[in-house]
N, C-alpha and C. Protein backbone atom coordinates (compact mmCIF):
# COMPACT_ATOMS: atom_id res chain seq x y z
N MET A 1 102.82 103.50 92.69
CA MET A 1 103.29 104.97 92.50
C MET A 1 102.27 105.73 94.03
N ALA A 2 100.89 105.19 93.88
CA ALA A 2 100.05 105.53 94.94
C ALA A 2 100.42 105.74 96.07
N LYS A 3 101.15 104.32 96.56
CA LYS A 3 101.71 104.08 97.93
C LYS A 3 102.71 105.01 98.47
N GLU A 4 103.88 105.29 97.41
CA GLU A 4 104.80 106.15 97.61
C GLU A 4 104.26 107.47 97.96
N SER A 5 103.49 107.99 97.17
CA SER A 5 102.89 109.52 97.48
C SER A 5 102.11 109.73 99.04
N GLU A 6 101.22 108.52 99.33
CA GLU A 6 101.13 108.36 100.24
C GLU A 6 101.61 108.29 101.61
N ALA A 7 103.04 107.55 101.38
CA ALA A 7 103.87 107.74 102.56
C ALA A 7 104.45 109.42 102.68
N ASN A 8 104.83 109.88 101.59
CA ASN A 8 105.42 111.49 101.52
C ASN A 8 104.37 112.27 102.28
N ALA A 9 102.92 112.01 102.15
CA ALA A 9 102.08 112.87 102.78
C ALA A 9 101.92 112.80 104.26
N ASN A 10 102.08 111.63 104.53
CA ASN A 10 101.90 111.09 105.75
C ASN A 10 103.06 111.79 106.27
N ARG A 11 104.48 111.81 106.32
CA ARG A 11 105.51 112.02 106.77
C ARG A 11 105.29 113.55 106.57
N MET A 12 104.77 114.66 105.90
CA MET A 12 104.41 115.86 106.04
C MET A 12 103.69 116.09 106.97
N GLY A 13 102.22 115.41 106.86
CA GLY A 13 101.51 115.37 107.78
C GLY A 13 101.64 115.13 109.45
N ALA A 14 102.78 114.58 109.81
CA ALA A 14 103.43 114.04 110.95
C ALA A 14 104.17 115.17 111.48
N GLY A 15 104.96 115.67 110.50
CA GLY A 15 106.09 116.92 110.62
C GLY A 15 105.17 117.78 110.88
N MET A 16 103.89 118.26 110.35
CA MET A 16 103.06 119.63 110.55
C MET A 16 102.67 119.44 111.97
N ALA A 17 102.02 118.18 112.21
CA ALA A 17 101.44 117.97 113.47
C ALA A 17 102.26 118.09 114.55
N ILE A 18 103.51 117.34 114.37
CA ILE A 18 104.88 117.96 115.33
C ILE A 18 104.98 119.59 115.69
N GLY A 19 105.19 120.15 114.34
CA GLY A 19 105.25 121.66 114.19
C GLY A 19 103.94 122.05 115.17
N VAL A 20 102.88 121.97 114.84
CA VAL A 20 101.79 122.52 115.75
C VAL A 20 102.00 122.66 117.02
N VAL A 21 102.22 121.37 117.32
CA VAL A 21 102.41 120.97 119.04
C VAL A 21 103.46 121.82 119.41
N ILE A 22 104.82 121.80 118.76
CA ILE A 22 105.42 122.85 119.33
C ILE A 22 104.82 124.15 119.21
N GLY A 23 104.47 124.72 118.36
CA GLY A 23 104.00 126.41 118.11
C GLY A 23 103.30 126.48 119.18
N VAL A 24 101.91 125.55 119.85
CA VAL A 24 101.16 125.87 120.62
C VAL A 24 102.04 126.21 122.10
N VAL A 25 102.67 125.11 122.18
CA VAL A 25 104.00 125.40 123.51
C VAL A 25 104.48 126.64 123.65
N ILE A 26 104.94 127.08 122.23
CA ILE A 26 105.49 128.36 122.10
C ILE A 26 104.79 129.40 122.69
N GLY A 27 103.32 129.22 122.07
CA GLY A 27 102.59 130.11 121.88
C GLY A 27 102.03 130.18 123.26
N ALA A 28 101.69 129.39 123.94
CA ALA A 28 101.60 129.23 125.38
C ALA A 28 102.33 129.75 126.02
N ALA A 29 103.65 129.88 126.21
CA ALA A 29 104.57 130.30 126.75
C ALA A 29 105.11 131.78 126.83
N ILE A 30 104.68 132.18 125.06
CA ILE A 30 104.57 133.91 125.30
C ILE A 30 103.17 134.58 125.07
N ASP A 31 101.98 133.43 125.58
CA ASP A 31 100.93 134.24 126.01
C ASP A 31 100.40 134.74 124.50
N ASN A 32 100.64 134.31 123.35
CA ASN A 32 99.94 134.51 122.04
C ASN A 32 100.12 133.14 121.03
N THR A 33 98.85 132.60 121.34
CA THR A 33 98.92 131.24 120.67
C THR A 33 99.02 131.20 118.90
N SER A 34 98.23 132.54 118.59
CA SER A 34 98.27 132.54 117.36
C SER A 34 99.40 132.57 116.32
N THR A 35 100.39 133.53 116.93
CA THR A 35 101.84 133.65 116.62
C THR A 35 102.58 132.22 116.67
N GLY A 36 102.18 131.89 117.95
CA GLY A 36 102.96 130.26 118.34
C GLY A 36 102.70 129.17 117.17
N ILE A 37 101.27 129.29 116.82
CA ILE A 37 100.86 128.33 115.83
C ILE A 37 101.61 128.59 114.19
N ALA A 38 101.42 129.79 114.03
CA ALA A 38 102.35 130.14 112.75
C ALA A 38 103.34 129.70 112.72
N VAL A 39 104.27 129.66 113.84
CA VAL A 39 105.81 129.62 113.87
C VAL A 39 106.09 128.01 113.86
N GLY A 40 104.85 127.56 114.59
CA GLY A 40 104.84 125.93 114.85
C GLY A 40 104.88 125.34 113.50
N VAL A 41 103.78 125.68 112.70
CA VAL A 41 103.70 125.33 110.89
C VAL A 41 104.82 125.29 110.22
N ALA A 42 105.36 126.76 110.30
CA ALA A 42 106.72 126.95 109.82
C ALA A 42 107.83 125.51 110.19
N ILE A 43 107.99 125.28 111.40
CA ILE A 43 108.65 124.54 112.01
C ILE A 43 108.32 123.01 111.43
N GLY A 44 106.98 122.81 111.31
CA GLY A 44 106.68 121.56 111.22
C GLY A 44 106.84 121.39 109.55
N ALA A 45 106.60 121.91 108.87
CA ALA A 45 107.19 122.10 107.72
C ALA A 45 108.46 121.73 107.37
N GLY A 46 109.38 122.39 107.94
CA GLY A 46 110.83 122.23 108.05
C GLY A 46 110.74 120.74 108.36
N ILE A 47 110.44 120.40 109.41
CA ILE A 47 111.07 118.77 109.71
C ILE A 47 109.81 118.02 108.72
N GLY A 48 108.82 117.98 108.28
CA GLY A 48 108.24 117.18 106.88
C GLY A 48 109.32 117.45 106.07
N ALA A 49 109.71 118.06 105.29
CA ALA A 49 110.57 118.28 104.17
C ALA A 49 111.74 117.76 104.68
N VAL A 50 112.45 117.67 105.71
CA VAL A 50 113.35 116.70 105.86
C VAL A 50 113.29 115.52 105.73
N TRP A 51 112.02 114.78 106.59
CA TRP A 51 111.92 113.53 106.82
C TRP A 51 111.56 113.19 105.32
N ASN A 52 111.09 113.88 103.97
CA ASN A 52 110.74 113.46 103.05
C ASN A 52 112.12 113.17 102.35
N ARG A 53 113.05 114.30 102.42
CA ARG A 53 114.17 114.02 102.12
C ARG A 53 114.78 112.89 102.32
N GLN A 54 114.75 112.40 103.41
CA GLN A 54 115.59 111.44 104.22
C GLN A 54 115.17 110.25 103.29
N GLN A 55 114.17 110.11 103.36
CA GLN A 55 113.06 108.98 102.78
C GLN A 55 113.42 108.63 101.14
N ARG A 56 113.84 109.97 100.48
CA ARG A 56 113.80 109.58 99.12
C ARG A 56 115.19 109.30 98.93
N LYS A 57 115.97 109.62 99.85
CA LYS A 57 117.35 109.14 99.43
C LYS A 57 118.01 108.35 100.66
N GLY A 58 117.20 107.39 100.92
CA GLY A 58 117.26 106.13 101.76
C GLY A 58 118.41 106.80 102.96
N ASN A 59 118.43 107.69 103.45
CA ASN A 59 119.20 107.86 104.62
C ASN A 59 120.70 107.60 104.25
N GLY A 60 121.05 107.42 103.31
CA GLY A 60 122.60 107.04 102.87
C GLY A 60 123.46 108.33 102.60
N PRO A 61 124.82 108.24 102.28
CA PRO A 61 125.43 109.40 102.68
C PRO A 61 125.04 110.09 101.17
N GLY A 62 125.59 111.67 101.70
CA GLY A 62 124.72 112.29 100.08
C GLY A 62 125.66 112.39 99.29
N GLU A 63 125.33 113.07 97.87
CA GLU A 63 126.13 113.02 96.68
C GLU A 63 127.46 113.76 96.73
N ASN A 64 127.91 114.45 97.90
CA ASN A 64 128.69 115.53 98.13
C ASN A 64 129.70 114.93 99.04
N SER A 65 129.48 113.74 99.47
CA SER A 65 130.02 113.21 100.43
C SER A 65 131.44 112.16 100.20
N GLU A 66 132.58 112.34 100.68
CA GLU A 66 133.64 111.50 100.25
C GLU A 66 133.67 110.03 100.51
N PRO A 67 134.08 109.26 99.86
CA PRO A 67 134.08 107.85 99.55
C PRO A 67 134.35 107.46 100.97
N ARG A 68 133.81 106.44 101.58
CA ARG A 68 134.65 105.84 102.74
C ARG A 68 135.68 105.10 102.70
N ASP A 69 136.45 105.14 103.81
CA ASP A 69 137.95 104.81 103.84
C ASP A 69 137.76 103.38 104.54
N GLU A 70 137.82 102.33 103.70
CA GLU A 70 137.48 101.05 104.60
C GLU A 70 138.90 100.12 104.79
N SER A 71 140.23 101.21 104.76
CA SER A 71 141.11 100.45 104.83
C SER A 71 141.46 100.14 106.05
N ASP A 72 140.58 100.88 107.45
CA ASP A 72 140.57 100.19 108.85
C ASP A 72 140.93 98.91 109.27
């Protein structure tokens, strides 16, 4: 169980790190790094959440997807 929570934390942390980098780039472009970092953290949280969701579901089709047509 501990390994699973570590993997989730690493995914969220990696997403946040990527978001902060994106935010710093945006902040440098608009000459306001503090706003850029805040935007980057929000973007990173979204990236981390998506990665966590994909990891939990095993990257398979969602619950609402149609069944595959294997007649081809």
